[in-house]
Amino acid sequence: MERVSPPLTGGERETLRAFLDYHRATLAMKCADLSDEDLRRRSMPPSTLTLLGLVRHLAEVERNWFRRVIAGEDIGHVWSPEGDYQVAYDATGATRAEAFAAWEAEVARSREIERAAESLDVTGYVPKWGSDVSLRLVMLHLIHEYARHNGHADFLREGIDGVVGA
């Protein structure tokens, strides 16, 4: 996944889309060139947080917000049967191949849903909140979610091999 900087000028939707893709690519970059074992390395006890766990968690987040909320798809979770996305952090026995295949598939479906939406004002229902939310809010929420977890990924990667930055 190529990481392209967001436009310095541009429309709202183009800018939101670009920032979300930038953060998606940043996560992939933080996981590049690492073994499954490295990707499963935990941050520090008692945390189960790993780079592979972040990939799994963000696959669940993409699936929930774009497919379940905006598209209204009646689908379950991948690793979080009770809806607790923190469970996905525990990547014990997980592999890069399965986690990235699921994440990449969810990202591709999210992009399809976003591009098919007539506007950022399209809404979907969030049962937990008992309210509708706009595609705009979903995209902003995902940008926030990725940015926060990319900070975690920075620290995790530094602990594995000393690579930091960008």
N, C-alpha and C. Protein backbone atom coordinates (compact mmCIF):
# COMPACT_ATOMS: atom_id res chain seq x y z
N MET A 1 0.86 -1.17 0.00
CA MET A 1 0.00 0.00 0.00
C MET A 1 0.90 1.23 0.00
N GLU A 2 0.81 2.01 -1.03
CA GLU A 2 1.63 3.22 -1.15
C GLU A 2 1.09 4.32 -0.25
N ARG A 3 2.00 5.01 0.44
CA ARG A 3 1.59 6.11 1.32
C ARG A 3 1.78 7.43 0.58
N VAL A 4 0.67 8.07 0.27
CA VAL A 4 0.66 9.33 -0.45
C VAL A 4 0.18 10.41 0.50
N SER A 5 0.88 11.53 0.54
CA SER A 5 0.48 12.63 1.41
C SER A 5 -0.85 13.22 0.95
N PRO A 6 -1.70 13.60 1.91
CA PRO A 6 -2.97 14.24 1.57
C PRO A 6 -2.75 15.56 0.83
N PRO A 7 -3.74 15.98 0.04
CA PRO A 7 -3.59 17.22 -0.72
C PRO A 7 -3.55 18.44 0.21
N LEU A 8 -2.80 19.43 -0.20
CA LEU A 8 -2.74 20.68 0.58
C LEU A 8 -3.97 21.55 0.33
N THR A 9 -4.57 21.35 -0.82
CA THR A 9 -5.84 21.99 -1.13
C THR A 9 -6.74 20.92 -1.73
N GLY A 10 -7.99 21.02 -1.55
CA GLY A 10 -8.90 20.02 -2.10
C GLY A 10 -10.23 20.07 -1.38
N GLY A 11 -11.18 19.38 -1.94
CA GLY A 11 -12.50 19.32 -1.34
C GLY A 11 -12.52 18.49 -0.08
N GLU A 12 -13.61 18.60 0.66
CA GLU A 12 -13.74 17.90 1.93
C GLU A 12 -13.62 16.39 1.78
N ARG A 13 -14.36 15.84 0.85
CA ARG A 13 -14.37 14.39 0.69
C ARG A 13 -13.01 13.87 0.23
N GLU A 14 -12.42 14.55 -0.73
CA GLU A 14 -11.11 14.17 -1.22
C GLU A 14 -10.07 14.21 -0.09
N THR A 15 -10.16 15.23 0.75
CA THR A 15 -9.22 15.39 1.85
C THR A 15 -9.42 14.30 2.91
N LEU A 16 -10.67 14.03 3.27
CA LEU A 16 -10.95 12.97 4.25
C LEU A 16 -10.47 11.62 3.73
N ARG A 17 -10.78 11.33 2.49
CA ARG A 17 -10.37 10.07 1.86
C ARG A 17 -8.84 9.94 1.88
N ALA A 18 -8.16 11.02 1.53
CA ALA A 18 -6.69 10.99 1.46
C ALA A 18 -6.06 10.81 2.84
N PHE A 19 -6.60 11.50 3.86
CA PHE A 19 -6.05 11.35 5.21
C PHE A 19 -6.29 9.93 5.73
N LEU A 20 -7.45 9.36 5.45
CA LEU A 20 -7.72 8.00 5.89
C LEU A 20 -6.78 7.03 5.20
N ASP A 21 -6.60 7.16 3.91
CA ASP A 21 -5.67 6.28 3.19
C ASP A 21 -4.22 6.48 3.65
N TYR A 22 -3.85 7.71 3.97
CA TYR A 22 -2.52 7.99 4.49
C TYR A 22 -2.28 7.20 5.78
N HIS A 23 -3.26 7.23 6.67
CA HIS A 23 -3.10 6.51 7.95
C HIS A 23 -3.16 5.00 7.77
N ARG A 24 -3.97 4.53 6.84
CA ARG A 24 -3.98 3.09 6.55
C ARG A 24 -2.60 2.66 6.07
N ALA A 25 -2.02 3.42 5.16
CA ALA A 25 -0.70 3.10 4.62
C ALA A 25 0.38 3.20 5.69
N THR A 26 0.22 4.11 6.64
CA THR A 26 1.18 4.24 7.73
C THR A 26 1.19 2.98 8.58
N LEU A 27 0.02 2.43 8.87
CA LEU A 27 -0.04 1.18 9.63
C LEU A 27 0.70 0.07 8.88
N ALA A 28 0.44 -0.06 7.60
CA ALA A 28 1.13 -1.09 6.80
C ALA A 28 2.64 -0.87 6.83
N MET A 29 3.07 0.38 6.73
CA MET A 29 4.48 0.71 6.74
C MET A 29 5.13 0.31 8.07
N LYS A 30 4.42 0.52 9.18
CA LYS A 30 4.96 0.17 10.49
C LYS A 30 5.15 -1.34 10.65
N CYS A 31 4.43 -2.11 9.86
CA CYS A 31 4.50 -3.57 9.95
C CYS A 31 5.40 -4.19 8.89
N ALA A 32 5.92 -3.37 8.00
CA ALA A 32 6.71 -3.87 6.87
C ALA A 32 8.00 -4.55 7.33
N ASP A 33 8.35 -5.60 6.61
CA ASP A 33 9.63 -6.29 6.78
C ASP A 33 9.82 -6.92 8.16
N LEU A 34 8.74 -7.28 8.81
CA LEU A 34 8.84 -7.96 10.10
C LEU A 34 8.29 -9.37 9.98
N SER A 35 8.83 -10.27 10.78
CA SER A 35 8.36 -11.67 10.80
C SER A 35 7.04 -11.75 11.57
N ASP A 36 6.38 -12.88 11.44
CA ASP A 36 5.16 -13.11 12.23
C ASP A 36 5.47 -12.99 13.72
N GLU A 37 6.60 -13.56 14.11
CA GLU A 37 7.00 -13.50 15.52
C GLU A 37 7.16 -12.05 15.98
N ASP A 38 7.83 -11.22 15.18
CA ASP A 38 7.99 -9.81 15.52
C ASP A 38 6.63 -9.11 15.62
N LEU A 39 5.76 -9.41 14.66
CA LEU A 39 4.45 -8.77 14.63
C LEU A 39 3.58 -9.18 15.82
N ARG A 40 3.88 -10.33 16.43
CA ARG A 40 3.15 -10.81 17.60
C ARG A 40 3.79 -10.38 18.92
N ARG A 41 4.92 -9.70 18.86
CA ARG A 41 5.63 -9.31 20.08
C ARG A 41 4.81 -8.29 20.87
N ARG A 42 4.58 -8.60 22.12
CA ARG A 42 3.76 -7.74 22.99
C ARG A 42 4.54 -6.53 23.47
N SER A 43 3.79 -5.47 23.73
CA SER A 43 4.42 -4.23 24.15
C SER A 43 5.06 -4.37 25.53
N MET A 44 4.27 -4.68 26.53
CA MET A 44 4.76 -4.86 27.89
C MET A 44 3.63 -5.46 28.73
N PRO A 45 3.97 -6.32 29.67
CA PRO A 45 2.94 -6.93 30.51
C PRO A 45 2.17 -5.86 31.28
N PRO A 46 0.91 -5.99 31.50
CA PRO A 46 0.06 -7.12 31.12
C PRO A 46 -0.61 -6.94 29.75
N SER A 47 -0.22 -5.91 29.02
CA SER A 47 -0.86 -5.61 27.74
C SER A 47 -0.67 -6.74 26.74
N THR A 48 -1.70 -6.99 25.93
CA THR A 48 -1.61 -7.96 24.84
C THR A 48 -1.42 -7.25 23.51
N LEU A 49 -1.17 -5.95 23.54
CA LEU A 49 -1.05 -5.14 22.33
C LEU A 49 0.17 -5.55 21.51
N THR A 50 -0.08 -5.79 20.21
CA THR A 50 0.96 -6.15 19.26
C THR A 50 0.66 -5.44 17.94
N LEU A 51 1.64 -5.38 17.06
CA LEU A 51 1.37 -4.82 15.73
C LEU A 51 0.32 -5.64 15.00
N LEU A 52 0.43 -6.95 15.07
CA LEU A 52 -0.55 -7.80 14.40
C LEU A 52 -1.93 -7.62 15.03
N GLY A 53 -1.96 -7.42 16.33
CA GLY A 53 -3.22 -7.15 17.02
C GLY A 53 -3.84 -5.84 16.56
N LEU A 54 -3.01 -4.83 16.31
CA LEU A 54 -3.53 -3.56 15.79
C LEU A 54 -4.15 -3.74 14.41
N VAL A 55 -3.51 -4.54 13.57
CA VAL A 55 -4.05 -4.81 12.23
C VAL A 55 -5.40 -5.50 12.37
N ARG A 56 -5.49 -6.49 13.23
CA ARG A 56 -6.74 -7.21 13.44
C ARG A 56 -7.82 -6.27 14.00
N HIS A 57 -7.45 -5.47 14.98
CA HIS A 57 -8.37 -4.52 15.58
C HIS A 57 -8.92 -3.55 14.53
N LEU A 58 -8.05 -3.02 13.71
CA LEU A 58 -8.48 -2.05 12.72
C LEU A 58 -9.29 -2.70 11.60
N ALA A 59 -9.08 -3.97 11.33
CA ALA A 59 -9.96 -4.69 10.40
C ALA A 59 -11.37 -4.74 10.98
N GLU A 60 -11.49 -4.99 12.27
CA GLU A 60 -12.80 -5.01 12.93
C GLU A 60 -13.45 -3.63 12.89
N VAL A 61 -12.65 -2.59 13.12
CA VAL A 61 -13.17 -1.22 13.13
C VAL A 61 -13.69 -0.85 11.73
N GLU A 62 -12.91 -1.14 10.70
CA GLU A 62 -13.35 -0.87 9.32
C GLU A 62 -14.66 -1.61 9.05
N ARG A 63 -14.69 -2.88 9.40
CA ARG A 63 -15.85 -3.74 9.15
C ARG A 63 -17.10 -3.17 9.83
N ASN A 64 -16.93 -2.76 11.08
CA ASN A 64 -18.07 -2.25 11.83
C ASN A 64 -18.60 -0.95 11.24
N TRP A 65 -17.73 0.03 11.09
CA TRP A 65 -18.20 1.36 10.72
C TRP A 65 -18.67 1.46 9.28
N PHE A 66 -17.97 0.86 8.36
CA PHE A 66 -18.37 0.99 6.96
C PHE A 66 -19.42 -0.06 6.58
N ARG A 67 -19.17 -1.31 6.90
CA ARG A 67 -20.08 -2.37 6.44
C ARG A 67 -21.34 -2.46 7.29
N ARG A 68 -21.19 -2.52 8.60
CA ARG A 68 -22.34 -2.70 9.47
C ARG A 68 -23.14 -1.42 9.63
N VAL A 69 -22.45 -0.29 9.85
CA VAL A 69 -23.16 0.96 10.11
C VAL A 69 -23.60 1.64 8.81
N ILE A 70 -22.66 2.01 7.95
CA ILE A 70 -23.02 2.78 6.75
C ILE A 70 -23.76 1.92 5.72
N ALA A 71 -23.26 0.72 5.43
CA ALA A 71 -23.90 -0.12 4.41
C ALA A 71 -25.05 -0.95 4.97
N GLY A 72 -25.17 -1.04 6.30
CA GLY A 72 -26.26 -1.81 6.90
C GLY A 72 -26.16 -3.30 6.70
N GLU A 73 -24.94 -3.80 6.47
CA GLU A 73 -24.75 -5.24 6.26
C GLU A 73 -24.94 -6.00 7.58
N ASP A 74 -25.65 -7.08 7.53
CA ASP A 74 -25.90 -7.91 8.71
C ASP A 74 -24.81 -8.98 8.78
N ILE A 75 -23.66 -8.59 9.31
CA ILE A 75 -22.50 -9.49 9.38
C ILE A 75 -21.95 -9.48 10.79
N GLY A 76 -21.28 -10.56 11.15
CA GLY A 76 -20.67 -10.66 12.46
C GLY A 76 -19.28 -10.06 12.49
N HIS A 77 -18.62 -10.28 13.58
CA HIS A 77 -17.24 -9.82 13.75
C HIS A 77 -16.28 -10.92 13.31
N VAL A 78 -15.05 -10.56 13.07
CA VAL A 78 -14.05 -11.54 12.66
C VAL A 78 -13.39 -12.18 13.88
N TRP A 79 -12.85 -11.36 14.78
CA TRP A 79 -12.15 -11.87 15.96
C TRP A 79 -12.80 -11.45 17.27
N SER A 80 -13.84 -10.70 17.22
CA SER A 80 -14.44 -10.12 18.42
C SER A 80 -15.91 -10.52 18.53
N PRO A 81 -16.20 -11.79 18.78
CA PRO A 81 -17.58 -12.26 18.73
C PRO A 81 -18.53 -11.52 19.67
N GLU A 82 -18.03 -11.01 20.76
CA GLU A 82 -18.89 -10.28 21.70
C GLU A 82 -18.90 -8.77 21.41
N GLY A 83 -18.22 -8.36 20.35
CA GLY A 83 -18.18 -6.95 20.00
C GLY A 83 -17.13 -6.16 20.76
N ASP A 84 -16.27 -6.85 21.51
CA ASP A 84 -15.18 -6.19 22.24
C ASP A 84 -13.94 -6.24 21.35
N TYR A 85 -13.67 -5.14 20.66
CA TYR A 85 -12.57 -5.12 19.69
C TYR A 85 -11.20 -5.22 20.34
N GLN A 86 -11.13 -5.07 21.65
CA GLN A 86 -9.86 -5.22 22.34
C GLN A 86 -9.39 -6.67 22.27
N VAL A 87 -10.32 -7.61 22.14
CA VAL A 87 -9.98 -9.03 22.04
C VAL A 87 -9.07 -9.27 20.85
N ALA A 88 -9.28 -8.52 19.78
CA ALA A 88 -8.47 -8.70 18.56
C ALA A 88 -7.01 -8.35 18.79
N TYR A 89 -6.70 -7.58 19.84
CA TYR A 89 -5.30 -7.23 20.12
C TYR A 89 -4.46 -8.46 20.42
N ASP A 90 -5.05 -9.46 21.04
CA ASP A 90 -4.30 -10.66 21.38
C ASP A 90 -4.11 -11.49 20.12
N ALA A 91 -2.94 -11.39 19.54
CA ALA A 91 -2.66 -12.05 18.26
C ALA A 91 -1.88 -13.35 18.45
N THR A 92 -2.02 -13.97 19.61
CA THR A 92 -1.35 -15.24 19.86
C THR A 92 -1.71 -16.23 18.75
N GLY A 93 -0.70 -16.75 18.08
CA GLY A 93 -0.93 -17.73 17.02
C GLY A 93 -1.36 -17.12 15.69
N ALA A 94 -1.58 -15.83 15.63
CA ALA A 94 -2.00 -15.18 14.39
C ALA A 94 -0.82 -15.06 13.43
N THR A 95 -1.15 -14.91 12.15
CA THR A 95 -0.10 -14.73 11.15
C THR A 95 -0.34 -13.45 10.36
N ARG A 96 0.75 -12.95 9.79
CA ARG A 96 0.66 -11.78 8.92
C ARG A 96 -0.33 -12.06 7.79
N ALA A 97 -0.23 -13.24 7.20
CA ALA A 97 -1.05 -13.57 6.04
C ALA A 97 -2.53 -13.45 6.35
N GLU A 98 -2.98 -14.05 7.45
CA GLU A 98 -4.42 -14.01 7.75
C GLU A 98 -4.86 -12.63 8.21
N ALA A 99 -4.07 -11.97 9.03
CA ALA A 99 -4.47 -10.66 9.53
C ALA A 99 -4.50 -9.62 8.42
N PHE A 100 -3.47 -9.60 7.60
CA PHE A 100 -3.43 -8.61 6.52
C PHE A 100 -4.45 -8.91 5.43
N ALA A 101 -4.72 -10.18 5.16
CA ALA A 101 -5.75 -10.52 4.17
C ALA A 101 -7.10 -9.99 4.63
N ALA A 102 -7.41 -10.18 5.90
CA ALA A 102 -8.69 -9.69 6.43
C ALA A 102 -8.73 -8.17 6.43
N TRP A 103 -7.65 -7.53 6.89
CA TRP A 103 -7.61 -6.06 6.95
C TRP A 103 -7.71 -5.46 5.55
N GLU A 104 -6.94 -5.99 4.61
CA GLU A 104 -6.96 -5.46 3.25
C GLU A 104 -8.34 -5.64 2.60
N ALA A 105 -8.99 -6.76 2.88
CA ALA A 105 -10.34 -6.98 2.35
C ALA A 105 -11.32 -5.98 2.94
N GLU A 106 -11.21 -5.71 4.22
CA GLU A 106 -12.11 -4.74 4.86
C GLU A 106 -11.85 -3.33 4.34
N VAL A 107 -10.59 -2.98 4.16
CA VAL A 107 -10.25 -1.66 3.61
C VAL A 107 -10.83 -1.53 2.20
N ALA A 108 -10.67 -2.55 1.39
CA ALA A 108 -11.20 -2.50 0.02
C ALA A 108 -12.72 -2.33 0.03
N ARG A 109 -13.40 -3.06 0.90
CA ARG A 109 -14.87 -2.94 0.98
C ARG A 109 -15.26 -1.57 1.51
N SER A 110 -14.53 -1.05 2.48
CA SER A 110 -14.80 0.30 3.01
C SER A 110 -14.69 1.34 1.91
N ARG A 111 -13.65 1.21 1.10
CA ARG A 111 -13.47 2.16 -0.01
C ARG A 111 -14.65 2.08 -0.99
N GLU A 112 -15.10 0.87 -1.28
CA GLU A 112 -16.25 0.71 -2.19
C GLU A 112 -17.49 1.40 -1.61
N ILE A 113 -17.74 1.18 -0.35
CA ILE A 113 -18.92 1.77 0.31
C ILE A 113 -18.82 3.29 0.29
N GLU A 114 -17.66 3.82 0.62
CA GLU A 114 -17.48 5.27 0.65
C GLU A 114 -17.67 5.87 -0.73
N ARG A 115 -17.08 5.25 -1.74
CA ARG A 115 -17.17 5.79 -3.10
C ARG A 115 -18.59 5.70 -3.66
N ALA A 116 -19.35 4.70 -3.23
CA ALA A 116 -20.72 4.53 -3.72
C ALA A 116 -21.71 5.49 -3.04
N ALA A 117 -21.32 6.02 -1.90
CA ALA A 117 -22.21 6.93 -1.17
C ALA A 117 -22.36 8.24 -1.93
N GLU A 118 -23.59 8.72 -2.02
CA GLU A 118 -23.87 9.95 -2.77
C GLU A 118 -23.19 11.17 -2.17
N SER A 119 -23.07 11.20 -0.86
CA SER A 119 -22.45 12.35 -0.21
C SER A 119 -21.95 11.95 1.17
N LEU A 120 -21.26 12.85 1.81
CA LEU A 120 -20.80 12.61 3.18
C LEU A 120 -21.95 12.68 4.17
N ASP A 121 -23.11 13.11 3.72
CA ASP A 121 -24.29 13.21 4.57
C ASP A 121 -25.09 11.91 4.64
N VAL A 122 -24.68 10.89 3.88
CA VAL A 122 -25.32 9.58 3.97
C VAL A 122 -25.18 9.12 5.42
N THR A 123 -26.23 8.48 5.95
CA THR A 123 -26.19 8.05 7.34
C THR A 123 -26.37 6.55 7.49
N GLY A 124 -25.93 6.08 8.61
CA GLY A 124 -26.13 4.70 9.02
C GLY A 124 -26.46 4.70 10.50
N TYR A 125 -27.06 3.62 10.95
CA TYR A 125 -27.54 3.53 12.33
C TYR A 125 -26.53 2.80 13.22
N VAL A 126 -26.29 3.37 14.40
CA VAL A 126 -25.41 2.76 15.40
C VAL A 126 -26.29 2.30 16.56
N PRO A 127 -26.57 1.00 16.64
CA PRO A 127 -27.45 0.50 17.70
C PRO A 127 -26.97 0.85 19.11
N LYS A 128 -25.68 0.77 19.33
CA LYS A 128 -25.11 1.06 20.66
C LYS A 128 -25.45 2.47 21.11
N TRP A 129 -25.50 3.40 20.16
CA TRP A 129 -25.80 4.79 20.47
C TRP A 129 -27.27 5.13 20.29
N GLY A 130 -27.99 4.25 19.59
CA GLY A 130 -29.39 4.52 19.31
C GLY A 130 -29.57 5.72 18.42
N SER A 131 -28.63 5.91 17.49
CA SER A 131 -28.64 7.11 16.67
C SER A 131 -28.03 6.85 15.29
N ASP A 132 -28.42 7.71 14.35
CA ASP A 132 -27.78 7.70 13.04
C ASP A 132 -26.50 8.52 13.11
N VAL A 133 -25.54 8.16 12.26
CA VAL A 133 -24.31 8.92 12.11
C VAL A 133 -24.05 9.11 10.62
N SER A 134 -23.35 10.16 10.27
CA SER A 134 -23.04 10.44 8.87
C SER A 134 -21.76 9.74 8.44
N LEU A 135 -21.64 9.56 7.15
CA LEU A 135 -20.39 9.04 6.58
C LEU A 135 -19.24 9.97 6.96
N ARG A 136 -19.48 11.25 7.01
CA ARG A 136 -18.47 12.22 7.41
C ARG A 136 -17.92 11.88 8.79
N LEU A 137 -18.83 11.64 9.75
CA LEU A 137 -18.40 11.30 11.11
C LEU A 137 -17.61 10.00 11.10
N VAL A 138 -18.07 9.01 10.33
CA VAL A 138 -17.37 7.73 10.26
C VAL A 138 -15.95 7.92 9.74
N MET A 139 -15.81 8.67 8.68
CA MET A 139 -14.47 8.89 8.13
C MET A 139 -13.57 9.63 9.12
N LEU A 140 -14.11 10.65 9.77
CA LEU A 140 -13.32 11.37 10.78
C LEU A 140 -12.96 10.46 11.94
N HIS A 141 -13.90 9.63 12.37
CA HIS A 141 -13.64 8.70 13.46
C HIS A 141 -12.52 7.72 13.08
N LEU A 142 -12.57 7.21 11.85
CA LEU A 142 -11.53 6.26 11.42
C LEU A 142 -10.17 6.94 11.33
N ILE A 143 -10.13 8.18 10.87
CA ILE A 143 -8.85 8.91 10.84
C ILE A 143 -8.30 9.02 12.25
N HIS A 144 -9.14 9.38 13.19
CA HIS A 144 -8.74 9.49 14.59
C HIS A 144 -8.26 8.13 15.11
N GLU A 145 -9.01 7.08 14.82
CA GLU A 145 -8.67 5.74 15.29
C GLU A 145 -7.31 5.29 14.75
N TYR A 146 -7.10 5.45 13.46
CA TYR A 146 -5.81 5.08 12.87
C TYR A 146 -4.67 5.93 13.43
N ALA A 147 -4.89 7.24 13.53
CA ALA A 147 -3.82 8.12 14.02
C ALA A 147 -3.38 7.71 15.43
N ARG A 148 -4.36 7.44 16.27
CA ARG A 148 -4.05 7.03 17.65
C ARG A 148 -3.29 5.71 17.65
N HIS A 149 -3.77 4.74 16.89
CA HIS A 149 -3.11 3.44 16.89
C HIS A 149 -1.79 3.45 16.14
N ASN A 150 -1.61 4.36 15.20
CA ASN A 150 -0.30 4.48 14.55
C ASN A 150 0.74 4.99 15.54
N GLY A 151 0.30 5.78 16.51
CA GLY A 151 1.22 6.16 17.59
C GLY A 151 1.65 4.95 18.39
N HIS A 152 0.70 4.07 18.69
CA HIS A 152 1.05 2.82 19.37
C HIS A 152 2.00 1.99 18.50
N ALA A 153 1.69 1.94 17.20
CA ALA A 153 2.52 1.16 16.29
C ALA A 153 3.96 1.68 16.25
N ASP A 154 4.11 2.99 16.36
CA ASP A 154 5.45 3.60 16.40
C ASP A 154 6.26 3.03 17.57
N PHE A 155 5.65 3.01 18.75
CA PHE A 155 6.35 2.50 19.93
C PHE A 155 6.60 1.00 19.82
N LEU A 156 5.62 0.26 19.32
CA LEU A 156 5.80 -1.18 19.17
C LEU A 156 6.95 -1.48 18.21
N ARG A 157 6.98 -0.79 17.08
CA ARG A 157 8.04 -1.03 16.09
C ARG A 157 9.40 -0.66 16.67
N GLU A 158 9.48 0.44 17.38
CA GLU A 158 10.76 0.85 17.98
C GLU A 158 11.25 -0.23 18.95
N GLY A 159 10.33 -0.83 19.69
CA GLY A 159 10.71 -1.88 20.64
C GLY A 159 11.18 -3.15 19.97
N ILE A 160 10.75 -3.37 18.74
CA ILE A 160 11.14 -4.58 18.01
C ILE A 160 12.52 -4.44 17.38
N ASP A 161 12.73 -3.35 16.63
CA ASP A 161 14.01 -3.23 15.90
C ASP A 161 14.60 -1.83 15.88
N GLY A 162 14.04 -0.94 16.68
CA GLY A 162 14.61 0.40 16.78
C GLY A 162 14.15 1.38 15.69
N VAL A 163 13.35 0.92 14.72
CA VAL A 163 12.89 1.80 13.65
C VAL A 163 11.86 2.78 14.20
N VAL A 164 12.07 4.06 13.93
CA VAL A 164 11.15 5.10 14.41
C VAL A 164 10.85 6.09 13.29
N GLY A 165 9.81 6.88 13.52
CA GLY A 165 9.53 8.00 12.64
C GLY A 165 8.53 7.73 11.55
N ALA A 166 8.18 8.83 10.89
CA ALA A 166 7.22 8.86 9.78
C ALA A 166 6.09 7.95 10.08
